[in-house]
Amino acid sequence: MGYQERRVELIAKRAAPYLEPGERIQTGFLTQTGWWIFTVPLATFVVTDRAILIVGGDGAQRLPRDFRFGKPTGLYHRIEVDRTYKVHRQYHREVVAADEALDEMKARGDLPRSE
């Protein structure tokens, strides 16, 4: 199993306890929330067809699926939610894929209603 497959498996494993029945993962990526590489709390963003999950050590936060991440640039792309999350450039492709999936859902008119 290659590196990419292990990343996908890790994200799916972290998301599994928080997914609703029938909810499908579209993409996901890891983020950092601090400044020092060895003391940085990590959070996993899991983008599904119904919501965006932010999975951390204390559980998961569920956001509406209509959230846009923006075009990633630089070494770390910043996402502002309840705090600043930083996405390393190795995950920029997944960030773009999340926004593209949102655009496709809007074009089809099947965006889930916000809770």
N, C-alpha and C. Protein backbone atom coordinates (compact mmCIF):
# COMPACT_ATOMS: atom_id res chain seq x y z
N MET A 1 0.86 -1.18 0.00
CA MET A 1 0.00 0.00 0.00
C MET A 1 0.90 1.23 0.00
N GLY A 2 0.61 2.16 -0.90
CA GLY A 2 1.40 3.37 -1.03
C GLY A 2 1.02 4.44 -0.02
N TYR A 3 1.80 5.51 -0.04
CA TYR A 3 1.60 6.62 0.89
C TYR A 3 0.21 7.24 0.75
N GLN A 4 -0.23 7.48 -0.48
CA GLN A 4 -1.54 8.10 -0.72
C GLN A 4 -2.66 7.21 -0.17
N GLU A 5 -2.57 5.91 -0.39
CA GLU A 5 -3.59 5.00 0.11
C GLU A 5 -3.64 4.98 1.64
N ARG A 6 -2.46 5.05 2.27
CA ARG A 6 -2.41 5.09 3.74
C ARG A 6 -3.04 6.37 4.27
N ARG A 7 -2.83 7.50 3.58
CA ARG A 7 -3.46 8.76 4.01
C ARG A 7 -4.97 8.66 3.93
N VAL A 8 -5.48 8.13 2.84
CA VAL A 8 -6.93 7.99 2.66
C VAL A 8 -7.50 7.07 3.74
N GLU A 9 -6.81 5.98 4.02
CA GLU A 9 -7.25 5.03 5.04
C GLU A 9 -7.26 5.68 6.42
N LEU A 10 -6.24 6.46 6.74
CA LEU A 10 -6.15 7.15 8.03
C LEU A 10 -7.32 8.12 8.20
N ILE A 11 -7.61 8.89 7.19
CA ILE A 11 -8.70 9.86 7.27
C ILE A 11 -10.05 9.15 7.43
N ALA A 12 -10.27 8.08 6.68
CA ALA A 12 -11.51 7.32 6.79
C ALA A 12 -11.66 6.70 8.18
N LYS A 13 -10.57 6.21 8.73
CA LYS A 13 -10.60 5.61 10.07
C LYS A 13 -10.95 6.65 11.13
N ARG A 14 -10.37 7.83 11.02
CA ARG A 14 -10.66 8.89 12.00
C ARG A 14 -12.10 9.38 11.89
N ALA A 15 -12.65 9.36 10.69
CA ALA A 15 -14.00 9.87 10.48
C ALA A 15 -15.09 8.87 10.84
N ALA A 16 -14.79 7.59 10.74
CA ALA A 16 -15.80 6.54 10.86
C ALA A 16 -16.75 6.69 12.05
N PRO A 17 -16.28 6.97 13.26
CA PRO A 17 -17.21 7.06 14.39
C PRO A 17 -18.20 8.24 14.30
N TYR A 18 -17.93 9.20 13.44
CA TYR A 18 -18.74 10.42 13.40
C TYR A 18 -19.61 10.53 12.15
N LEU A 19 -19.53 9.56 11.27
CA LEU A 19 -20.33 9.61 10.05
C LEU A 19 -21.75 9.14 10.32
N GLU A 20 -22.71 9.77 9.66
CA GLU A 20 -24.10 9.36 9.74
C GLU A 20 -24.30 8.19 8.78
N PRO A 21 -25.34 7.38 9.00
CA PRO A 21 -25.60 6.26 8.07
C PRO A 21 -25.75 6.76 6.63
N GLY A 22 -25.03 6.16 5.72
CA GLY A 22 -25.10 6.52 4.31
C GLY A 22 -24.26 7.71 3.90
N GLU A 23 -23.63 8.37 4.85
CA GLU A 23 -22.80 9.55 4.53
C GLU A 23 -21.51 9.08 3.86
N ARG A 24 -21.13 9.77 2.78
CA ARG A 24 -19.96 9.37 2.00
C ARG A 24 -18.86 10.42 2.11
N ILE A 25 -17.63 9.96 2.29
CA ILE A 25 -16.47 10.86 2.33
C ILE A 25 -16.11 11.25 0.91
N GLN A 26 -15.94 12.57 0.69
CA GLN A 26 -15.49 13.08 -0.60
C GLN A 26 -13.98 13.27 -0.61
N THR A 27 -13.44 13.83 0.45
CA THR A 27 -11.99 14.02 0.58
C THR A 27 -11.69 14.36 2.03
N GLY A 28 -10.43 14.49 2.34
CA GLY A 28 -10.03 14.86 3.69
C GLY A 28 -8.57 15.24 3.73
N PHE A 29 -8.19 15.92 4.80
CA PHE A 29 -6.80 16.35 4.93
C PHE A 29 -6.49 16.66 6.39
N LEU A 30 -5.21 16.62 6.72
CA LEU A 30 -4.75 16.93 8.06
C LEU A 30 -4.38 18.40 8.15
N THR A 31 -4.56 18.97 9.34
CA THR A 31 -4.21 20.37 9.57
C THR A 31 -3.43 20.49 10.88
N GLN A 32 -2.79 21.64 11.04
CA GLN A 32 -2.11 21.98 12.28
C GLN A 32 -2.78 23.21 12.87
N THR A 33 -2.71 23.33 14.21
CA THR A 33 -3.34 24.49 14.84
C THR A 33 -2.38 25.30 15.69
N GLY A 34 -1.12 24.97 15.70
CA GLY A 34 -0.15 25.70 16.51
C GLY A 34 1.07 26.10 15.68
N TRP A 35 2.11 26.54 16.37
CA TRP A 35 3.30 27.03 15.67
C TRP A 35 4.48 26.07 15.69
N TRP A 36 4.64 25.29 16.71
CA TRP A 36 5.82 24.42 16.81
C TRP A 36 5.49 23.03 16.33
N ILE A 37 6.31 22.53 15.46
CA ILE A 37 6.01 21.26 14.77
C ILE A 37 5.87 20.08 15.72
N PHE A 38 6.59 20.06 16.83
CA PHE A 38 6.51 18.91 17.71
C PHE A 38 5.44 19.06 18.80
N THR A 39 4.83 20.22 18.95
CA THR A 39 3.81 20.41 19.96
C THR A 39 2.49 20.85 19.35
N VAL A 40 2.34 20.65 18.06
CA VAL A 40 1.18 21.14 17.34
C VAL A 40 0.02 20.15 17.45
N PRO A 41 -1.12 20.60 17.98
CA PRO A 41 -2.30 19.74 17.94
C PRO A 41 -2.75 19.57 16.48
N LEU A 42 -3.08 18.36 16.12
CA LEU A 42 -3.55 18.09 14.77
C LEU A 42 -5.06 17.95 14.74
N ALA A 43 -5.65 18.33 13.64
CA ALA A 43 -7.07 18.11 13.41
C ALA A 43 -7.22 17.55 12.00
N THR A 44 -8.17 16.66 11.83
CA THR A 44 -8.44 16.08 10.53
C THR A 44 -9.74 16.67 9.99
N PHE A 45 -9.68 17.28 8.82
CA PHE A 45 -10.87 17.76 8.14
C PHE A 45 -11.36 16.64 7.24
N VAL A 46 -12.62 16.25 7.41
CA VAL A 46 -13.23 15.21 6.59
C VAL A 46 -14.42 15.84 5.88
N VAL A 47 -14.34 15.88 4.56
CA VAL A 47 -15.39 16.51 3.76
C VAL A 47 -16.28 15.39 3.23
N THR A 48 -17.56 15.46 3.57
CA THR A 48 -18.50 14.43 3.13
C THR A 48 -19.55 15.06 2.22
N ASP A 49 -20.46 14.24 1.74
CA ASP A 49 -21.54 14.74 0.91
C ASP A 49 -22.61 15.48 1.71
N ARG A 50 -22.50 15.50 3.04
CA ARG A 50 -23.49 16.17 3.89
C ARG A 50 -22.93 17.27 4.78
N ALA A 51 -21.64 17.18 5.12
CA ALA A 51 -21.08 18.11 6.10
C ALA A 51 -19.56 18.12 6.00
N ILE A 52 -18.97 18.97 6.81
CA ILE A 52 -17.53 18.99 6.99
C ILE A 52 -17.29 18.66 8.46
N LEU A 53 -16.50 17.64 8.70
CA LEU A 53 -16.19 17.24 10.06
C LEU A 53 -14.77 17.69 10.39
N ILE A 54 -14.61 18.26 11.56
CA ILE A 54 -13.28 18.57 12.08
C ILE A 54 -13.08 17.62 13.24
N VAL A 55 -12.23 16.62 13.02
CA VAL A 55 -12.01 15.58 14.01
C VAL A 55 -10.71 15.86 14.74
N GLY A 56 -10.81 15.96 16.05
CA GLY A 56 -9.64 16.21 16.89
C GLY A 56 -9.64 15.28 18.08
N GLY A 57 -8.75 15.53 18.99
CA GLY A 57 -8.62 14.68 20.17
C GLY A 57 -9.84 14.69 21.07
N ASP A 58 -10.64 15.75 21.00
CA ASP A 58 -11.81 15.87 21.87
C ASP A 58 -13.12 15.61 21.14
N GLY A 59 -13.10 14.89 20.04
CA GLY A 59 -14.33 14.57 19.32
C GLY A 59 -14.35 15.22 17.95
N ALA A 60 -15.57 15.48 17.48
CA ALA A 60 -15.73 16.05 16.15
C ALA A 60 -16.71 17.21 16.17
N GLN A 61 -16.41 18.17 15.35
CA GLN A 61 -17.28 19.33 15.14
C GLN A 61 -17.84 19.19 13.73
N ARG A 62 -19.14 19.40 13.57
CA ARG A 62 -19.79 19.26 12.27
C ARG A 62 -20.16 20.64 11.76
N LEU A 63 -19.68 20.97 10.54
CA LEU A 63 -19.97 22.24 9.89
C LEU A 63 -20.86 22.01 8.68
N PRO A 64 -21.62 23.02 8.27
CA PRO A 64 -22.42 22.88 7.05
C PRO A 64 -21.53 22.61 5.84
N ARG A 65 -22.05 21.88 4.87
CA ARG A 65 -21.27 21.50 3.69
C ARG A 65 -21.02 22.67 2.76
N ASP A 66 -21.70 23.79 2.94
CA ASP A 66 -21.52 24.92 2.03
C ASP A 66 -20.29 25.77 2.36
N PHE A 67 -19.44 25.34 3.26
CA PHE A 67 -18.22 26.05 3.62
C PHE A 67 -17.20 25.92 2.48
N ARG A 68 -16.58 27.03 2.10
CA ARG A 68 -15.54 27.03 1.06
C ARG A 68 -14.17 27.23 1.73
N PHE A 69 -13.19 26.48 1.28
CA PHE A 69 -11.85 26.55 1.84
C PHE A 69 -10.98 27.59 1.15
N GLY A 70 -11.30 27.94 -0.07
CA GLY A 70 -10.51 28.92 -0.81
C GLY A 70 -9.33 28.28 -1.52
N LYS A 71 -8.73 29.05 -2.42
CA LYS A 71 -7.60 28.54 -3.20
C LYS A 71 -6.35 28.51 -2.33
N PRO A 72 -5.77 27.32 -2.14
CA PRO A 72 -4.57 27.24 -1.30
C PRO A 72 -3.34 27.83 -1.98
N THR A 73 -2.55 28.52 -1.18
CA THR A 73 -1.30 29.11 -1.67
C THR A 73 -0.24 28.96 -0.58
N GLY A 74 1.01 29.05 -0.97
CA GLY A 74 2.11 29.04 -0.02
C GLY A 74 2.36 27.67 0.60
N LEU A 75 3.25 27.64 1.56
CA LEU A 75 3.58 26.40 2.25
C LEU A 75 2.41 25.92 3.10
N TYR A 76 1.73 26.85 3.78
CA TYR A 76 0.58 26.52 4.62
C TYR A 76 -0.61 27.39 4.22
N HIS A 77 -1.71 26.76 3.87
CA HIS A 77 -2.96 27.46 3.58
C HIS A 77 -3.73 27.60 4.89
N ARG A 78 -4.22 28.79 5.16
CA ARG A 78 -4.95 29.04 6.41
C ARG A 78 -6.46 28.93 6.20
N ILE A 79 -7.10 28.23 7.13
CA ILE A 79 -8.55 28.10 7.15
C ILE A 79 -9.03 28.64 8.49
N GLU A 80 -9.93 29.61 8.45
CA GLU A 80 -10.47 30.21 9.67
C GLU A 80 -11.85 29.64 9.96
N VAL A 81 -11.97 28.93 11.08
CA VAL A 81 -13.27 28.41 11.51
C VAL A 81 -13.45 28.88 12.94
N ASP A 82 -13.29 28.00 13.92
CA ASP A 82 -13.33 28.39 15.32
C ASP A 82 -11.96 28.85 15.79
N ARG A 83 -10.94 28.54 14.99
CA ARG A 83 -9.55 28.96 15.19
C ARG A 83 -8.88 28.88 13.83
N THR A 84 -7.61 29.16 13.78
CA THR A 84 -6.88 29.07 12.52
C THR A 84 -6.31 27.67 12.37
N TYR A 85 -6.64 27.04 11.25
CA TYR A 85 -6.09 25.74 10.89
C TYR A 85 -5.16 25.95 9.72
N LYS A 86 -4.02 25.28 9.74
CA LYS A 86 -3.04 25.42 8.66
C LYS A 86 -2.91 24.08 7.94
N VAL A 87 -3.04 24.15 6.61
CA VAL A 87 -2.97 22.96 5.76
C VAL A 87 -1.65 23.00 4.99
N HIS A 88 -0.81 22.00 5.21
CA HIS A 88 0.46 21.92 4.51
C HIS A 88 0.21 21.71 3.02
N ARG A 89 1.14 22.17 2.20
CA ARG A 89 0.96 22.11 0.75
C ARG A 89 0.79 20.70 0.22
N GLN A 90 1.22 19.69 0.95
CA GLN A 90 1.02 18.32 0.48
C GLN A 90 -0.47 17.95 0.42
N TYR A 91 -1.33 18.72 1.10
CA TYR A 91 -2.76 18.48 1.09
C TYR A 91 -3.54 19.52 0.27
N HIS A 92 -2.85 20.41 -0.42
CA HIS A 92 -3.54 21.44 -1.20
C HIS A 92 -4.47 20.82 -2.25
N ARG A 93 -4.08 19.71 -2.84
CA ARG A 93 -4.92 19.06 -3.85
C ARG A 93 -6.26 18.64 -3.26
N GLU A 94 -6.26 18.18 -2.01
CA GLU A 94 -7.49 17.78 -1.35
C GLU A 94 -8.37 18.98 -1.03
N VAL A 95 -7.75 20.11 -0.68
CA VAL A 95 -8.50 21.34 -0.41
C VAL A 95 -9.23 21.78 -1.69
N VAL A 96 -8.52 21.76 -2.80
CA VAL A 96 -9.13 22.13 -4.10
C VAL A 96 -10.25 21.15 -4.43
N ALA A 97 -10.04 19.86 -4.20
CA ALA A 97 -11.05 18.85 -4.50
C ALA A 97 -12.32 19.08 -3.67
N ALA A 98 -12.17 19.53 -2.43
CA ALA A 98 -13.34 19.80 -1.58
C ALA A 98 -14.19 20.93 -2.17
N ASP A 99 -13.55 22.01 -2.59
CA ASP A 99 -14.30 23.12 -3.19
C ASP A 99 -14.90 22.72 -4.53
N GLU A 100 -14.20 21.91 -5.32
CA GLU A 100 -14.75 21.45 -6.60
C GLU A 100 -15.96 20.56 -6.39
N ALA A 101 -15.92 19.69 -5.38
CA ALA A 101 -17.07 18.84 -5.06
C ALA A 101 -18.26 19.69 -4.64
N LEU A 102 -18.01 20.76 -3.88
CA LEU A 102 -19.08 21.68 -3.48
C LEU A 102 -19.69 22.34 -4.71
N ASP A 103 -18.86 22.79 -5.65
CA ASP A 103 -19.37 23.40 -6.87
C ASP A 103 -20.24 22.42 -7.66
N GLU A 104 -19.81 21.16 -7.75
CA GLU A 104 -20.60 20.14 -8.46
C GLU A 104 -21.93 19.89 -7.77
N MET A 105 -21.93 19.84 -6.44
CA MET A 105 -23.17 19.63 -5.69
C MET A 105 -24.13 20.80 -5.92
N LYS A 106 -23.61 22.03 -5.92
CA LYS A 106 -24.45 23.20 -6.16
C LYS A 106 -25.03 23.17 -7.57
N ALA A 107 -24.21 22.79 -8.56
CA ALA A 107 -24.67 22.73 -9.93
C ALA A 107 -25.80 21.71 -10.10
N ARG A 108 -25.73 20.62 -9.38
CA ARG A 108 -26.78 19.58 -9.42
C ARG A 108 -27.98 19.96 -8.57
N GLY A 109 -27.80 20.93 -7.67
CA GLY A 109 -28.88 21.34 -6.78
C GLY A 109 -29.12 20.36 -5.64
N ASP A 110 -28.10 19.60 -5.27
CA ASP A 110 -28.29 18.63 -4.18
C ASP A 110 -27.45 18.95 -2.94
N LEU A 111 -27.28 20.23 -2.67
CA LEU A 111 -26.56 20.65 -1.46
C LEU A 111 -27.48 20.40 -0.26
N PRO A 112 -26.99 19.71 0.77
CA PRO A 112 -27.83 19.45 1.94
C PRO A 112 -28.17 20.74 2.66
N ARG A 113 -29.33 20.76 3.28
CA ARG A 113 -29.73 21.93 4.06
C ARG A 113 -28.90 22.02 5.32
N SER A 114 -28.56 23.24 5.73
CA SER A 114 -27.80 23.45 6.97
C SER A 114 -28.69 23.13 8.14
N GLU A 115 -28.06 22.55 9.16
CA GLU A 115 -28.82 22.17 10.36
C GLU A 115 -29.11 23.36 11.22
